[in-house]
Amino acid sequence: MKNNITSLLVSVLIIMVSCEKECLCDSVVYESTFETNYEWMETSRSPSEGCSIDTLSSSFLDNNGNISYVRTIIECDS
């Protein structure tokens, strides 16, 4: 009985580990400003632990009163 429980636990553990999704994602920051003629430019990229595509956007006024946009996107390789 003890061997059956041990075998079952080991089997469940192996299945759970083999089903974990391996992902390669980056957190990428883009800015769109007056200086870039409001074209999106990548300003930074760093590894991300998130495994799903996600976007965060914001805007602000620079010192000259021009609006600037910033968005952070989680990008993942297929």
Protein backbone atom coordinates (compact mmCIF):
# COMPACT_ATOMS: atom_id res chain seq x y z
CA MET A 1 0.00 0.00 0.00
CA LYS A 2 2.84 2.36 0.89
CA ASN A 3 4.51 1.67 -2.48
CA ASN A 4 1.26 2.45 -4.33
CA ILE A 5 0.91 5.82 -2.58
CA THR A 6 4.56 6.66 -3.25
CA SER A 7 4.18 5.68 -6.91
CA LEU A 8 1.04 7.79 -7.22
CA LEU A 9 2.70 10.84 -5.66
CA VAL A 10 5.76 10.50 -7.89
CA SER A 11 3.55 10.13 -10.97
CA VAL A 12 1.51 13.22 -10.08
CA LEU A 13 4.67 15.20 -9.45
CA ILE A 14 6.17 14.19 -12.81
CA ILE A 15 2.96 15.12 -14.63
CA MET A 16 2.77 18.51 -12.91
CA VAL A 17 6.40 19.35 -13.68
CA SER A 18 6.13 18.24 -17.31
CA CYS A 19 3.05 20.42 -17.82
CA GLU A 20 4.68 23.62 -16.61
CA LYS A 21 4.92 26.13 -19.41
CA GLU A 22 8.40 27.31 -20.25
CA CYS A 23 8.30 30.87 -21.52
CA LEU A 24 10.79 33.43 -22.74
CA CYS A 25 9.28 36.86 -22.21
CA ASP A 26 10.64 40.40 -22.05
CA SER A 27 9.21 43.55 -20.54
CA VAL A 28 9.65 46.18 -23.26
CA VAL A 29 9.14 49.92 -22.74
CA TYR A 30 8.19 52.10 -25.72
CA GLU A 31 7.93 55.90 -25.73
CA SER A 32 6.20 58.20 -28.19
CA THR A 33 7.23 61.84 -27.75
CA PHE A 34 7.35 65.17 -29.54
CA GLU A 35 11.08 64.60 -30.12
CA THR A 36 10.41 61.29 -31.94
CA ASN A 37 7.61 62.86 -34.01
CA TYR A 38 5.24 60.61 -32.00
CA GLU A 39 6.67 57.42 -33.44
CA TRP A 40 7.02 54.57 -30.94
CA MET A 41 10.64 53.98 -29.96
CA GLU A 42 11.88 51.12 -27.78
CA THR A 43 13.67 52.59 -24.76
CA SER A 44 14.37 49.53 -22.63
CA ARG A 45 14.05 45.75 -22.58
CA SER A 46 14.49 43.37 -19.66
CA PRO A 47 13.60 39.73 -18.92
CA SER A 48 10.15 39.19 -17.43
CA GLU A 49 8.86 36.38 -15.26
CA GLY A 50 5.35 36.86 -16.66
CA CYS A 51 4.26 34.30 -19.23
CA SER A 52 1.34 36.12 -20.78
CA ILE A 53 1.19 39.11 -23.08
CA ASP A 54 0.23 42.24 -21.12
CA THR A 55 0.24 45.99 -21.82
CA LEU A 56 0.38 49.00 -19.53
CA SER A 57 0.00 52.49 -21.02
CA SER A 58 0.37 55.99 -19.61
CA SER A 59 0.92 59.57 -20.71
CA PHE A 60 2.51 62.69 -19.24
CA LEU A 61 3.42 66.28 -20.10
CA ASP A 62 7.09 67.15 -20.56
CA ASN A 63 8.68 70.42 -19.37
CA ASN A 64 7.54 72.19 -22.57
CA GLY A 65 3.91 71.08 -22.23
CA ASN A 66 4.15 68.43 -24.96
CA ILE A 67 2.30 65.21 -24.28
CA SER A 68 4.38 62.04 -24.20
CA TYR A 69 3.14 58.46 -24.19
CA VAL A 70 4.73 55.43 -22.56
CA ARG A 71 3.68 51.80 -22.84
CA THR A 72 5.16 48.67 -21.36
CA ILE A 73 4.45 45.44 -23.15
CA ILE A 74 5.26 41.89 -22.10
CA GLU A 75 6.46 40.25 -25.33
CA CYS A 76 6.94 36.49 -25.50
CA ASP A 77 8.68 34.23 -28.01
CA SER A 78 6.43 31.53 -29.36
